[in-house]
Amino acid sequence: MTGTTTLTLGGLLAAVLVLYANLRPWWTGGRQMKQLAAFGKGLAGAFAAAACPGGILGWARQRTGSIANTGGESVGQSATGAAQANAISGGQLAGLVATGAFVAVLVVFAVVLAWKAASDKDKRRIVGGSFVGLVITLTAGGAGALAWLPGALNGVGDAIVALAEGAGVL
C-alpha cells in the first residue's frame, strides 16, 4: 500500500481547516442540523472505512493521510515559516471481522450513492466530511474515541446474518 498511518501536524492542520470550512457556514447561519447533513454523511462513511484494516477502504485511509500531510505541511510552512512535519501519536481502529466489514461496505456504498445524488455544494461537503473523518482516525485521540465502532459494526453484521439465516424468525 502507498500511504501513511502516521499523521503530522501539517496533516492535522489540513483536516482542521476543512472541518472549519464546513462548520463555519452552519455556525454563522441558522444552525440547522440539515446544514450539516452532507458533511455528516461523509464523516459516517469515513469512520466505517477507517475500521477496515486493509483493502481499498484501508488504502483510502492511508492515502488520505499522505495527502493531508503533504498539503497541510505545505500550507503551514508557507503561512508561518515553521515546519509542520512533527508526527502526532497514531491510532488504529481494530477488531473488525467479516460481518462488520459487510456493514462497513454497505455504509460506504450508501454514502457513495448519496454523493452521486447530491448537488455540487453537497458533494464537496460529503468529500470534506470523508477527508476529515479519515484523517482524524489516524490520530490516537480520534481512534480512541471511536474504539467502540468495530464492535458495533460487527454486532450489526451479526444481526443481519442471523436474520438472513432465519434465527428467531418463527
Protein backbone atom coordinates (compact mmCIF):
# COMPACT_ATOMS: atom_id res chain seq x y z
CA MET A 1 0.00 0.00 0.00
CA THR A 2 1.12 3.52 -0.72
CA GLY A 3 0.25 5.81 2.14
CA THR A 4 0.85 6.53 5.75
CA THR A 5 -0.56 5.61 9.10
CA THR A 6 1.35 8.45 10.76
CA LEU A 7 -0.21 11.88 10.76
CA THR A 8 1.88 15.02 11.05
CA LEU A 9 0.96 18.38 12.49
CA GLY A 10 0.51 19.59 8.91
CA GLY A 11 -1.93 16.77 8.18
CA LEU A 12 -3.94 17.67 11.25
CA LEU A 13 -3.89 21.31 10.13
CA ALA A 14 -5.36 20.32 6.76
CA ALA A 15 -8.17 18.36 8.44
CA VAL A 16 -8.96 21.18 10.88
CA LEU A 17 -9.07 23.72 8.03
CA VAL A 18 -11.57 21.56 6.11
CA LEU A 19 -13.57 20.99 9.30
CA TYR A 20 -13.70 24.74 9.99
CA ALA A 21 -14.71 25.49 6.39
CA ASN A 22 -17.65 23.11 6.79
CA LEU A 23 -18.73 24.15 10.30
CA ARG A 24 -18.49 27.94 9.83
CA PRO A 25 -21.49 28.29 7.47
CA TRP A 26 -23.58 26.25 9.90
CA TRP A 27 -22.42 28.31 12.88
CA THR A 28 -22.99 31.68 11.24
CA GLY A 29 -26.25 30.55 9.61
CA GLY A 30 -29.37 29.22 11.24
CA ARG A 31 -27.56 26.32 12.93
CA GLN A 32 -29.97 23.83 11.49
CA MET A 33 -28.86 20.20 11.51
CA LYS A 34 -29.79 19.79 7.85
CA GLN A 35 -26.91 22.16 7.04
CA LEU A 36 -24.51 19.54 8.44
CA ALA A 37 -26.19 16.51 6.86
CA ALA A 38 -23.90 16.22 3.83
CA PHE A 39 -20.75 16.66 5.90
CA GLY A 40 -22.08 14.10 8.41
CA LYS A 41 -22.71 11.57 5.64
CA GLY A 42 -19.09 11.84 4.55
CA LEU A 43 -17.92 11.58 8.13
CA ALA A 44 -20.01 8.44 8.75
CA GLY A 45 -18.67 6.78 5.61
CA ALA A 46 -15.11 7.68 6.56
CA PHE A 47 -15.48 6.25 10.05
CA ALA A 48 -16.83 2.98 8.62
CA ALA A 49 -13.98 2.87 6.09
CA ALA A 50 -11.41 3.62 8.78
CA ALA A 51 -12.43 0.49 10.67
CA CYS A 52 -11.23 -1.60 7.72
CA PRO A 53 -7.62 -2.76 8.21
CA GLY A 54 -6.89 -3.24 4.51
CA GLY A 55 -8.40 -3.45 1.08
CA ILE A 56 -9.36 -0.39 -0.88
CA LEU A 57 -11.01 1.25 2.15
CA GLY A 58 -7.88 0.76 4.27
CA TRP A 59 -5.77 2.04 1.40
CA ALA A 60 -8.00 5.13 1.09
CA ARG A 61 -7.43 5.92 4.76
CA GLN A 62 -3.67 5.67 4.41
CA ARG A 63 -3.58 7.61 1.15
CA THR A 64 -5.75 10.36 2.59
CA GLY A 65 -3.25 10.68 5.44
CA SER A 66 -0.42 11.14 2.96
CA ILE A 67 -2.36 13.77 1.04
CA ALA A 68 -3.25 15.61 4.26
CA ASN A 69 0.36 15.55 5.44
CA THR A 70 1.72 16.87 2.16
CA GLY A 71 -0.91 19.59 1.75
CA GLY A 72 -1.01 20.65 5.39
CA GLU A 73 2.77 20.78 5.76
CA SER A 74 2.98 22.93 2.64
CA VAL A 75 0.25 25.31 3.82
CA GLY A 76 1.63 25.52 7.35
CA GLN A 77 5.21 26.10 6.19
CA SER A 78 4.12 28.71 3.65
CA ALA A 79 1.87 30.56 6.09
CA THR A 80 4.12 30.54 9.15
CA GLY A 81 7.63 29.69 8.05
CA ALA A 82 7.70 26.98 10.73
CA ALA A 83 7.96 23.29 9.88
CA GLN A 84 4.74 21.31 10.29
CA ALA A 85 6.28 17.83 9.95
CA ASN A 86 6.12 16.82 13.63
CA ALA A 87 4.45 13.42 13.96
CA ILE A 88 1.28 13.06 16.03
CA SER A 89 0.58 9.94 18.08
CA GLY A 90 -1.14 7.48 15.79
CA GLY A 91 -4.15 5.28 16.29
CA GLN A 92 -5.90 2.39 14.58
CA LEU A 93 -9.41 1.02 14.83
CA ALA A 94 -9.05 -2.72 15.44
CA GLY A 95 -11.30 -5.72 15.79
CA LEU A 96 -13.37 -5.69 12.60
CA VAL A 97 -14.46 -9.16 11.47
CA ALA A 98 -16.17 -10.33 8.27
CA THR A 99 -19.70 -9.44 9.39
CA GLY A 100 -18.60 -5.97 10.44
CA ALA A 101 -16.76 -5.49 7.16
CA PHE A 102 -20.02 -6.36 5.38
CA VAL A 103 -21.73 -3.47 7.20
CA ALA A 104 -18.80 -1.10 6.60
CA VAL A 105 -19.08 -1.70 2.86
CA LEU A 106 -22.83 -1.07 3.00
CA VAL A 107 -22.29 2.23 4.83
CA VAL A 108 -19.64 3.40 2.36
CA PHE A 109 -21.85 2.32 -0.56
CA ALA A 110 -24.77 4.33 0.87
CA VAL A 111 -22.52 7.40 1.13
CA VAL A 112 -21.35 6.95 -2.47
CA LEU A 113 -24.97 6.81 -3.63
CA ALA A 114 -25.76 9.93 -1.57
CA TRP A 115 -22.78 11.67 -3.17
CA LYS A 116 -24.00 10.76 -6.67
CA ALA A 117 -27.45 12.22 -5.94
CA ALA A 118 -26.16 15.37 -4.21
CA SER A 119 -25.80 18.90 -5.53
CA ASP A 120 -22.29 20.17 -6.31
CA LYS A 121 -22.12 22.02 -2.99
CA ASP A 122 -23.22 18.94 -1.04
CA LYS A 123 -20.78 16.76 -2.99
CA ARG A 124 -17.95 18.97 -1.75
CA ARG A 125 -19.30 18.72 1.79
CA ILE A 126 -19.50 14.92 1.61
CA VAL A 127 -15.92 14.76 0.35
CA GLY A 128 -14.88 17.18 3.10
CA GLY A 129 -16.51 15.01 5.75
CA SER A 130 -14.81 11.94 4.33
CA PHE A 131 -11.44 13.69 4.34
CA VAL A 132 -11.79 14.91 7.91
CA GLY A 133 -13.04 11.53 9.14
CA LEU A 134 -10.25 9.54 7.52
CA VAL A 135 -7.56 11.93 8.76
CA ILE A 136 -8.90 12.17 12.32
CA THR A 137 -8.93 8.38 12.68
CA LEU A 138 -5.18 8.38 12.09
CA THR A 139 -4.70 10.09 15.45
CA ALA A 140 -4.63 8.28 18.79
CA GLY A 141 -7.41 10.53 20.10
CA GLY A 142 -9.68 10.00 17.09
CA ALA A 143 -9.13 6.25 17.02
CA GLY A 144 -9.56 6.05 20.79
CA ALA A 145 -12.85 7.94 20.68
CA LEU A 146 -14.11 5.52 18.03
CA ALA A 147 -12.76 2.32 19.62
CA TRP A 148 -16.36 1.13 20.00
CA LEU A 149 -17.07 1.32 16.26
CA PRO A 150 -15.63 -2.03 15.04
CA GLY A 151 -17.63 -3.85 17.72
CA ALA A 152 -20.79 -2.00 16.74
CA LEU A 153 -20.27 -2.80 13.05
CA ASN A 154 -19.64 -6.44 13.98
CA GLY A 155 -22.83 -6.54 16.06
CA VAL A 156 -24.98 -5.11 13.28
CA GLY A 157 -23.41 -7.53 10.82
CA ASP A 158 -24.06 -10.47 13.16
CA ALA A 159 -27.71 -9.41 13.45
CA ILE A 160 -28.06 -9.21 9.66
CA VAL A 161 -26.55 -12.69 9.28
CA ALA A 162 -28.83 -14.07 12.00
CA LEU A 163 -31.84 -12.56 10.24
CA ALA A 164 -30.74 -13.97 6.88
CA GLU A 165 -30.27 -17.41 8.42
CA GLY A 166 -33.75 -17.27 9.91
CA ALA A 167 -32.71 -17.13 13.55
CA GLY A 168 -35.64 -16.10 15.72
CA VAL A 169 -37.97 -15.50 12.78
CA LEU A 170 -40.56 -18.06 13.80
